Structures are given as C-alpha cells and as structure tokens.
Amino acid sequence: MDTRERELLEKYAPRDEELQTLRDEHVLYEKQLEKLEAKPYKTPDEQQQIKLLKKQKLEGKTKMVAILERYAKEDNL
C-alpha cells in the first residue's frame, strides 16, 4: 500500500465500517501469518492455513484498495 492509500485509510476508516473491518482483518491475517511463518517446521495443515490466510489477506486488500480509489476520486473533485 502506498503513502496516499495509507493517508486515505487513516482518514476514511473511522467513518466507513466496511473499510475499518477490512483493515482490522488485514492486520489480523498478517499477525497470524507472521506467527505461522516463524515456525521452522510447518505441518501440512499449517501450510494450508498459510495459503488460505494469504488468499484472504489479498482479497481483503483488493477490496480496500477499490474503496480507497473511490475516496481518492472524491477528494480530487
């Protein structure tokens, strides 16, 4: 996420419940991934969970960026 997107996120997340939820989920997925990826050995279930978390994180980020792009257009009006 670039600086402009971070600024928009900080500005609009408190007012936009969906955006706030997506940000919170993104942070949660990141923490879970860090914990799992720090393990020197991962079970097949953990490897599968890592793939799922990465997919969920990416899907959420894609939605967040789309919302932020709408807000960026509004700011430029």
PDB file of N, CA and C in Angstrom:
ATOM      1  N   MET A   1       0.847  -1.168   0.000  1.00  0.00           N
ATOM      2  CA  MET A   1       0.000   0.000   0.000  1.00  0.00           C
ATOM      3  C   MET A   1       0.899   1.239   0.000  1.00  0.00           C
ATOM      4  N   ASP A   2       0.599   2.179  -0.868  1.00  0.00           N
ATOM      5  CA  ASP A   2       1.445   3.369  -0.944  1.00  0.00           C
ATOM      6  C   ASP A   2       1.025   4.411   0.099  1.00  0.00           C
ATOM      7  N   THR A   3       1.776   5.476   0.159  1.00  0.00           N
ATOM      8  CA  THR A   3       1.559   6.510   1.171  1.00  0.00           C
ATOM      9  C   THR A   3       0.174   7.139   1.032  1.00  0.00           C
ATOM     10  N   ARG A   4      -0.223   7.431  -0.187  1.00  0.00           N
ATOM     11  CA  ARG A   4      -1.542   8.052  -0.424  1.00  0.00           C
ATOM     12  C   ARG A   4      -2.655   7.139   0.058  1.00  0.00           C
ATOM     13  N   GLU A   5      -2.556   5.851  -0.225  1.00  0.00           N
ATOM     14  CA  GLU A   5      -3.584   4.908   0.222  1.00  0.00           C
ATOM     15  C   GLU A   5      -3.630   4.839   1.744  1.00  0.00           C
ATOM     16  N   ARG A   6      -2.466   4.880   2.388  1.00  0.00           N
ATOM     17  CA  ARG A   6      -2.423   4.865   3.857  1.00  0.00           C
ATOM     18  C   ARG A   6      -3.083   6.114   4.433  1.00  0.00           C
ATOM     19  N   GLU A   7      -2.826   7.269   3.807  1.00  0.00           N
ATOM     20  CA  GLU A   7      -3.447   8.517   4.259  1.00  0.00           C
ATOM     21  C   GLU A   7      -4.966   8.434   4.134  1.00  0.00           C
ATOM     22  N   LEU A   8      -5.418   7.930   3.000  1.00  0.00           N
ATOM     23  CA  LEU A   8      -6.863   7.790   2.794  1.00  0.00           C
ATOM     24  C   LEU A   8      -7.468   6.805   3.790  1.00  0.00           C
ATOM     25  N   LEU A   9      -6.756   5.733   4.047  1.00  0.00           N
ATOM     26  CA  LEU A   9      -7.226   4.731   5.003  1.00  0.00           C
ATOM     27  C   LEU A   9      -7.391   5.353   6.385  1.00  0.00           C
ATOM     28  N   GLU A  10      -6.405   6.117   6.819  1.00  0.00           N
ATOM     29  CA  GLU A  10      -6.481   6.770   8.128  1.00  0.00           C
ATOM     30  C   GLU A  10      -7.616   7.787   8.173  1.00  0.00           C
ATOM     31  N   LYS A  11      -7.852   8.457   7.068  1.00  0.00           N
ATOM     32  CA  LYS A  11      -8.892   9.486   7.019  1.00  0.00           C
ATOM     33  C   LYS A  11     -10.297   8.897   7.008  1.00  0.00           C
ATOM     34  N   TYR A  12     -10.502   7.831   6.217  1.00  0.00           N
ATOM     35  CA  TYR A  12     -11.859   7.332   5.991  1.00  0.00           C
ATOM     36  C   TYR A  12     -12.249   6.098   6.797  1.00  0.00           C
ATOM     37  N   ALA A  13     -11.302   5.329   7.289  1.00  0.00           N
ATOM     38  CA  ALA A  13     -11.644   4.110   8.032  1.00  0.00           C
ATOM     39  C   ALA A  13     -12.543   4.382   9.236  1.00  0.00           C
ATOM     40  N   PRO A  14     -12.292   5.456  10.001  1.00  0.00           N
ATOM     41  CA  PRO A  14     -13.184   5.694  11.146  1.00  0.00           C
ATOM     42  C   PRO A  14     -14.636   5.968  10.746  1.00  0.00           C
ATOM     43  N   ARG A  15     -14.840   6.422   9.515  1.00  0.00           N
ATOM     44  CA  ARG A  15     -16.191   6.753   9.043  1.00  0.00           C
ATOM     45  C   ARG A  15     -16.834   5.649   8.214  1.00  0.00           C
ATOM     46  N   ASP A  16     -16.035   4.700   7.773  1.00  0.00           N
ATOM     47  CA  ASP A  16     -16.520   3.658   6.870  1.00  0.00           C
ATOM     48  C   ASP A  16     -16.358   2.300   7.555  1.00  0.00           C
ATOM     49  N   GLU A  17     -17.465   1.726   7.982  1.00  0.00           N
ATOM     50  CA  GLU A  17     -17.425   0.471   8.732  1.00  0.00           C
ATOM     51  C   GLU A  17     -16.804  -0.665   7.930  1.00  0.00           C
ATOM     52  N   GLU A  18     -17.137  -0.747   6.659  1.00  0.00           N
ATOM     53  CA  GLU A  18     -16.582  -1.816   5.820  1.00  0.00           C
ATOM     54  C   GLU A  18     -15.058  -1.665   5.696  1.00  0.00           C
ATOM     55  N   LEU A  19     -14.617  -0.449   5.482  1.00  0.00           N
ATOM     56  CA  LEU A  19     -13.188  -0.193   5.355  1.00  0.00           C
ATOM     57  C   LEU A  19     -12.466  -0.511   6.662  1.00  0.00           C
ATOM     58  N   GLN A  20     -13.066  -0.134   7.775  1.00  0.00           N
ATOM     59  CA  GLN A  20     -12.476  -0.429   9.085  1.00  0.00           C
ATOM     60  C   GLN A  20     -12.385  -1.937   9.306  1.00  0.00           C
ATOM     61  N   THR A  21     -13.433  -2.659   8.955  1.00  0.00           N
ATOM     62  CA  THR A  21     -13.446  -4.111   9.111  1.00  0.00           C
ATOM     63  C   THR A  21     -12.372  -4.756   8.247  1.00  0.00           C
ATOM     64  N   LEU A  22     -12.264  -4.308   7.011  1.00  0.00           N
ATOM     65  CA  LEU A  22     -11.245  -4.848   6.110  1.00  0.00           C
ATOM     66  C   LEU A  22      -9.844  -4.586   6.645  1.00  0.00           C
ATOM     67  N   ARG A  23      -9.615  -3.387   7.183  1.00  0.00           N
ATOM     68  CA  ARG A  23      -8.301  -3.066   7.746  1.00  0.00           C
ATOM     69  C   ARG A  23      -8.006  -3.953   8.953  1.00  0.00           C
ATOM     70  N   ASP A  24      -8.989  -4.110   9.829  1.00  0.00           N
ATOM     71  CA  ASP A  24      -8.801  -4.942  11.017  1.00  0.00           C
ATOM     72  C   ASP A  24      -8.496  -6.391  10.639  1.00  0.00           C
ATOM     73  N   GLU A  25      -9.237  -6.914   9.654  1.00  0.00           N
ATOM     74  CA  GLU A  25      -8.999  -8.281   9.191  1.00  0.00           C
ATOM     75  C   GLU A  25      -7.601  -8.406   8.583  1.00  0.00           C
ATOM     76  N   HIS A  26      -7.195  -7.398   7.827  1.00  0.00           N
ATOM     77  CA  HIS A  26      -5.876  -7.414   7.192  1.00  0.00           C
ATOM     78  C   HIS A  26      -4.773  -7.523   8.250  1.00  0.00           C
ATOM     79  N   VAL A  27      -4.905  -6.738   9.300  1.00  0.00           N
ATOM     80  CA  VAL A  27      -3.921  -6.758  10.391  1.00  0.00           C
ATOM     81  C   VAL A  27      -3.944  -8.118  11.094  1.00  0.00           C
ATOM     82  N   LEU A  28      -5.130  -8.647  11.334  1.00  0.00           N
ATOM     83  CA  LEU A  28      -5.264  -9.956  11.984  1.00  0.00           C
ATOM     84  C   LEU A  28      -4.619 -11.055  11.147  1.00  0.00           C
ATOM     85  N   TYR A  29      -4.894 -11.071   9.848  1.00  0.00           N
ATOM     86  CA  TYR A  29      -4.310 -12.082   8.965  1.00  0.00           C
ATOM     87  C   TYR A  29      -2.791 -11.963   8.953  1.00  0.00           C
ATOM     88  N   GLU A  30      -2.285 -10.730   8.947  1.00  0.00           N
ATOM     89  CA  GLU A  30      -0.841 -10.512   8.937  1.00  0.00           C
ATOM     90  C   GLU A  30      -0.203 -11.085  10.205  1.00  0.00           C
ATOM     91  N   LYS A  31      -0.817 -10.847  11.342  1.00  0.00           N
ATOM     92  CA  LYS A  31      -0.279 -11.371  12.602  1.00  0.00           C
ATOM     93  C   LYS A  31      -0.301 -12.896  12.619  1.00  0.00           C
ATOM     94  N   GLN A  32      -1.383 -13.481  12.128  1.00  0.00           N
ATOM     95  CA  GLN A  32      -1.479 -14.940  12.082  1.00  0.00           C
ATOM     96  C   GLN A  32      -0.423 -15.522  11.148  1.00  0.00           C
ATOM     97  N   LEU A  33      -0.227 -14.861  10.004  1.00  0.00           N
ATOM     98  CA  LEU A  33       0.785 -15.320   9.049  1.00  0.00           C
ATOM     99  C   LEU A  33       2.188 -15.242   9.643  1.00  0.00           C
ATOM    100  N   GLU A  34       2.483 -14.141  10.302  1.00  0.00           N
ATOM    101  CA  GLU A  34       3.803 -13.987  10.915  1.00  0.00           C
ATOM    102  C   GLU A  34       4.068 -15.104  11.918  1.00  0.00           C
ATOM    103  N   LYS A  35       3.064 -15.418  12.710  1.00  0.00           N
ATOM    104  CA  LYS A  35       3.204 -16.466  13.725  1.00  0.00           C
ATOM    105  C   LYS A  35       3.458 -17.828  13.073  1.00  0.00           C
ATOM    106  N   LEU A  36       2.682 -18.137  12.041  1.00  0.00           N
ATOM    107  CA  LEU A  36       2.834 -19.430  11.368  1.00  0.00           C
ATOM    108  C   LEU A  36       4.148 -19.506  10.592  1.00  0.00           C
ATOM    109  N   GLU A  37       4.494 -18.431   9.904  1.00  0.00           N
ATOM    110  CA  GLU A  37       5.697 -18.452   9.072  1.00  0.00           C
ATOM    111  C   GLU A  37       6.974 -18.449   9.907  1.00  0.00           C
ATOM    112  N   ALA A  38       6.879 -18.063  11.165  1.00  0.00           N
ATOM    113  CA  ALA A  38       8.057 -18.052  12.040  1.00  0.00           C
ATOM    114  C   ALA A  38       8.449 -19.457  12.490  1.00  0.00           C
ATOM    115  N   LYS A  39       7.541 -20.397  12.339  1.00  0.00           N
ATOM    116  CA  LYS A  39       7.840 -21.764  12.746  1.00  0.00           C
ATOM    117  C   LYS A  39       8.864 -22.386  11.797  1.00  0.00           C
ATOM    118  N   PRO A  40       9.848 -23.060  12.355  1.00  0.00           N
ATOM    119  CA  PRO A  40      10.860 -23.685  11.491  1.00  0.00           C
ATOM    120  C   PRO A  40      10.294 -24.871  10.704  1.00  0.00           C
ATOM    121  N   TYR A  41       9.298 -25.538  11.273  1.00  0.00           N
ATOM    122  CA  TYR A  41       8.650 -26.656  10.588  1.00  0.00           C
ATOM    123  C   TYR A  41       7.156 -26.427  10.623  1.00  0.00           C
ATOM    124  N   LYS A  42       6.522 -26.633   9.486  1.00  0.00           N
ATOM    125  CA  LYS A  42       5.078 -26.434   9.390  1.00  0.00           C
ATOM    126  C   LYS A  42       4.412 -27.742   8.985  1.00  0.00           C
ATOM    127  N   THR A  43       3.349 -28.068   9.690  1.00  0.00           N
ATOM    128  CA  THR A  43       2.580 -29.256   9.339  1.00  0.00           C
ATOM    129  C   THR A  43       1.843 -28.980   8.027  1.00  0.00           C
ATOM    130  N   PRO A  44       1.363 -30.021   7.366  1.00  0.00           N
ATOM    131  CA  PRO A  44       0.571 -29.789   6.154  1.00  0.00           C
ATOM    132  C   PRO A  44      -0.654 -28.901   6.424  1.00  0.00           C
ATOM    133  N   ASP A  45      -1.271 -29.069   7.597  1.00  0.00           N
ATOM    134  CA  ASP A  45      -2.414 -28.216   7.936  1.00  0.00           C
ATOM    135  C   ASP A  45      -1.993 -26.756   8.065  1.00  0.00           C
ATOM    136  N   GLU A  46      -0.837 -26.519   8.666  1.00  0.00           N
ATOM    137  CA  GLU A  46      -0.341 -25.154   8.817  1.00  0.00           C
ATOM    138  C   GLU A  46       0.020 -24.548   7.466  1.00  0.00           C
ATOM    139  N   GLN A  47       0.591 -25.347   6.590  1.00  0.00           N
ATOM    140  CA  GLN A  47       0.913 -24.865   5.245  1.00  0.00           C
ATOM    141  C   GLN A  47      -0.361 -24.481   4.498  1.00  0.00           C
ATOM    142  N   GLN A  48      -1.394 -25.293   4.661  1.00  0.00           N
ATOM    143  CA  GLN A  48      -2.684 -24.994   4.030  1.00  0.00           C
ATOM    144  C   GLN A  48      -3.292 -23.728   4.628  1.00  0.00           C
ATOM    145  N   GLN A  49      -3.164 -23.584   5.931  1.00  0.00           N
ATOM    146  CA  GLN A  49      -3.692 -22.396   6.600  1.00  0.00           C
ATOM    147  C   GLN A  49      -2.961 -21.136   6.123  1.00  0.00           C
ATOM    148  N   ILE A  50      -1.663 -21.242   5.907  1.00  0.00           N
ATOM    149  CA  ILE A  50      -0.890 -20.113   5.395  1.00  0.00           C
ATOM    150  C   ILE A  50      -1.413 -19.701   4.018  1.00  0.00           C
ATOM    151  N   LYS A  51      -1.652 -20.659   3.158  1.00  0.00           N
ATOM    152  CA  LYS A  51      -2.183 -20.358   1.824  1.00  0.00           C
ATOM    153  C   LYS A  51      -3.539 -19.665   1.914  1.00  0.00           C
ATOM    154  N   LEU A  52      -4.402 -20.177   2.792  1.00  0.00           N
ATOM    155  CA  LEU A  52      -5.731 -19.598   2.958  1.00  0.00           C
ATOM    156  C   LEU A  52      -5.641 -18.174   3.502  1.00  0.00           C
ATOM    157  N   LEU A  53      -4.798 -17.958   4.498  1.00  0.00           N
ATOM    158  CA  LEU A  53      -4.640 -16.619   5.074  1.00  0.00           C
ATOM    159  C   LEU A  53      -4.113 -15.631   4.037  1.00  0.00           C
ATOM    160  N   LYS A  54      -3.152 -16.063   3.225  1.00  0.00           N
ATOM    161  CA  LYS A  54      -2.616 -15.187   2.184  1.00  0.00           C
ATOM    162  C   LYS A  54      -3.695 -14.822   1.173  1.00  0.00           C
ATOM    163  N   LYS A  55      -4.526 -15.795   0.830  1.00  0.00           N
ATOM    164  CA  LYS A  55      -5.612 -15.545  -0.115  1.00  0.00           C
ATOM    165  C   LYS A  55      -6.621 -14.564   0.482  1.00  0.00           C
ATOM    166  N   GLN A  56      -7.005 -14.782   1.732  1.00  0.00           N
ATOM    167  CA  GLN A  56      -7.960 -13.898   2.399  1.00  0.00           C
ATOM    168  C   GLN A  56      -7.393 -12.489   2.529  1.00  0.00           C
ATOM    169  N   LYS A  57      -6.129 -12.398   2.858  1.00  0.00           N
ATOM    170  CA  LYS A  57      -5.464 -11.107   3.023  1.00  0.00           C
ATOM    171  C   LYS A  57      -5.456 -10.352   1.694  1.00  0.00           C
ATOM    172  N   LEU A  58      -5.127 -11.043   0.615  1.00  0.00           N
ATOM    173  CA  LEU A  58      -5.094 -10.421  -0.707  1.00  0.00           C
ATOM    174  C   LEU A  58      -6.486  -9.979  -1.151  1.00  0.00           C
ATOM    175  N   GLU A  59      -7.488 -10.810  -0.926  1.00  0.00           N
ATOM    176  CA  GLU A  59      -8.851 -10.444  -1.301  1.00  0.00           C
ATOM    177  C   GLU A  59      -9.305  -9.205  -0.534  1.00  0.00           C
ATOM    178  N   GLY A  60      -8.983  -9.168   0.752  1.00  0.00           N
ATOM    179  CA  GLY A  60      -9.345  -8.004   1.559  1.00  0.00           C
ATOM    180  C   GLY A  60      -8.635  -6.752   1.102  1.00  0.00           C
ATOM    181  N   LYS A  61      -7.358  -6.883   0.770  1.00  0.00           N
ATOM    182  CA  LYS A  61      -6.591  -5.723   0.313  1.00  0.00           C
ATOM    183  C   LYS A  61      -7.150  -5.204  -1.009  1.00  0.00           C
ATOM    184  N   THR A  62      -7.532  -6.115  -1.882  1.00  0.00           N
ATOM    185  CA  THR A  62      -8.116  -5.718  -3.162  1.00  0.00           C
ATOM    186  C   THR A  62      -9.385  -4.908  -2.941  1.00  0.00           C
ATOM    187  N   LYS A  63     -10.229  -5.352  -2.018  1.00  0.00           N
ATOM    188  CA  LYS A  63     -11.458  -4.615  -1.690  1.00  0.00           C
ATOM    189  C   LYS A  63     -11.127  -3.260  -1.069  1.00  0.00           C
ATOM    190  N   MET A  64     -10.146  -3.249  -0.165  1.00  0.00           N
ATOM    191  CA  MET A  64      -9.751  -1.999   0.481  1.00  0.00           C
ATOM    192  C   MET A  64      -9.263  -0.983  -0.536  1.00  0.00           C
ATOM    193  N   VAL A  65      -8.418  -1.419  -1.449  1.00  0.00           N
ATOM    194  CA  VAL A  65      -7.865  -0.524  -2.458  1.00  0.00           C
ATOM    195  C   VAL A  65      -8.978   0.023  -3.357  1.00  0.00           C
ATOM    196  N   ALA A  66      -9.953  -0.800  -3.691  1.00  0.00           N
ATOM    197  CA  ALA A  66     -11.075  -0.335  -4.521  1.00  0.00           C
ATOM    198  C   ALA A  66     -11.860   0.764  -3.799  1.00  0.00           C
ATOM    199  N   ILE A  67     -12.103   0.572  -2.519  1.00  0.00           N
ATOM    200  CA  ILE A  67     -12.816   1.579  -1.736  1.00  0.00           C
ATOM    201  C   ILE A  67     -11.982   2.859  -1.651  1.00  0.00           C
ATOM    202  N   LEU A  68     -10.688   2.698  -1.399  1.00  0.00           N
ATOM    203  CA  LEU A  68      -9.809   3.867  -1.291  1.00  0.00           C
ATOM    204  C   LEU A  68      -9.715   4.629  -2.604  1.00  0.00           C
ATOM    205  N   GLU A  69      -9.768   3.926  -3.720  1.00  0.00           N
ATOM    206  CA  GLU A  69      -9.742   4.592  -5.027  1.00  0.00           C
ATOM    207  C   GLU A  69     -10.981   5.469  -5.211  1.00  0.00           C
ATOM    208  N   ARG A  70     -12.134   4.985  -4.728  1.00  0.00           N
ATOM    209  CA  ARG A  70     -13.355   5.799  -4.782  1.00  0.00           C
ATOM    210  C   ARG A  70     -13.181   7.064  -3.958  1.00  0.00           C
ATOM    211  N   TYR A  71     -12.640   6.917  -2.759  1.00  0.00           N
ATOM    212  CA  TYR A  71     -12.423   8.089  -1.909  1.00  0.00           C
ATOM    213  C   TYR A  71     -11.405   9.036  -2.529  1.00  0.00           C
ATOM    214  N   ALA A  72     -10.384   8.521  -3.183  1.00  0.00           N
ATOM    215  CA  ALA A  72      -9.369   9.356  -3.821  1.00  0.00           C
ATOM    216  C   ALA A  72     -10.011  10.194  -4.920  1.00  0.00           C
ATOM    217  N   LYS A  73     -10.928   9.608  -5.682  1.00  0.00           N
ATOM    218  CA  LYS A  73     -11.621  10.342  -6.730  1.00  0.00           C
ATOM    219  C   LYS A  73     -12.478  11.465  -6.129  1.00  0.00           C
ATOM    220  N   GLU A  74     -13.150  11.152  -5.004  1.00  0.00           N
ATOM    221  CA  GLU A  74     -13.970  12.159  -4.338  1.00  0.00           C
ATOM    222  C   GLU A  74     -13.099  13.311  -3.833  1.00  0.00           C
ATOM    223  N   ASP A  75     -11.929  12.995  -3.305  1.00  0.00           N
ATOM    224  CA  ASP A  75     -11.021  14.034  -2.792  1.00  0.00           C
ATOM    225  C   ASP A  75     -10.537  14.947  -3.911  1.00  0.00           C
ATOM    226  N   ASN A  76     -10.426  14.408  -5.109  1.00  0.00           N
ATOM    227  CA  ASN A  76      -9.908  15.201  -6.237  1.00  0.00           C
ATOM    228  C   ASN A  76     -10.973  16.041  -6.922  1.00  0.00           C
ATOM    229  N   LEU A  77     -12.209  15.891  -6.516  1.00  0.00           N
ATOM    230  CA  LEU A  77     -13.292  16.672  -7.164  1.00  0.00           C
ATOM    231  C   LEU A  77     -13.243  18.123  -6.801  1.00  0.00           C
TER     232      LEU A  77
END
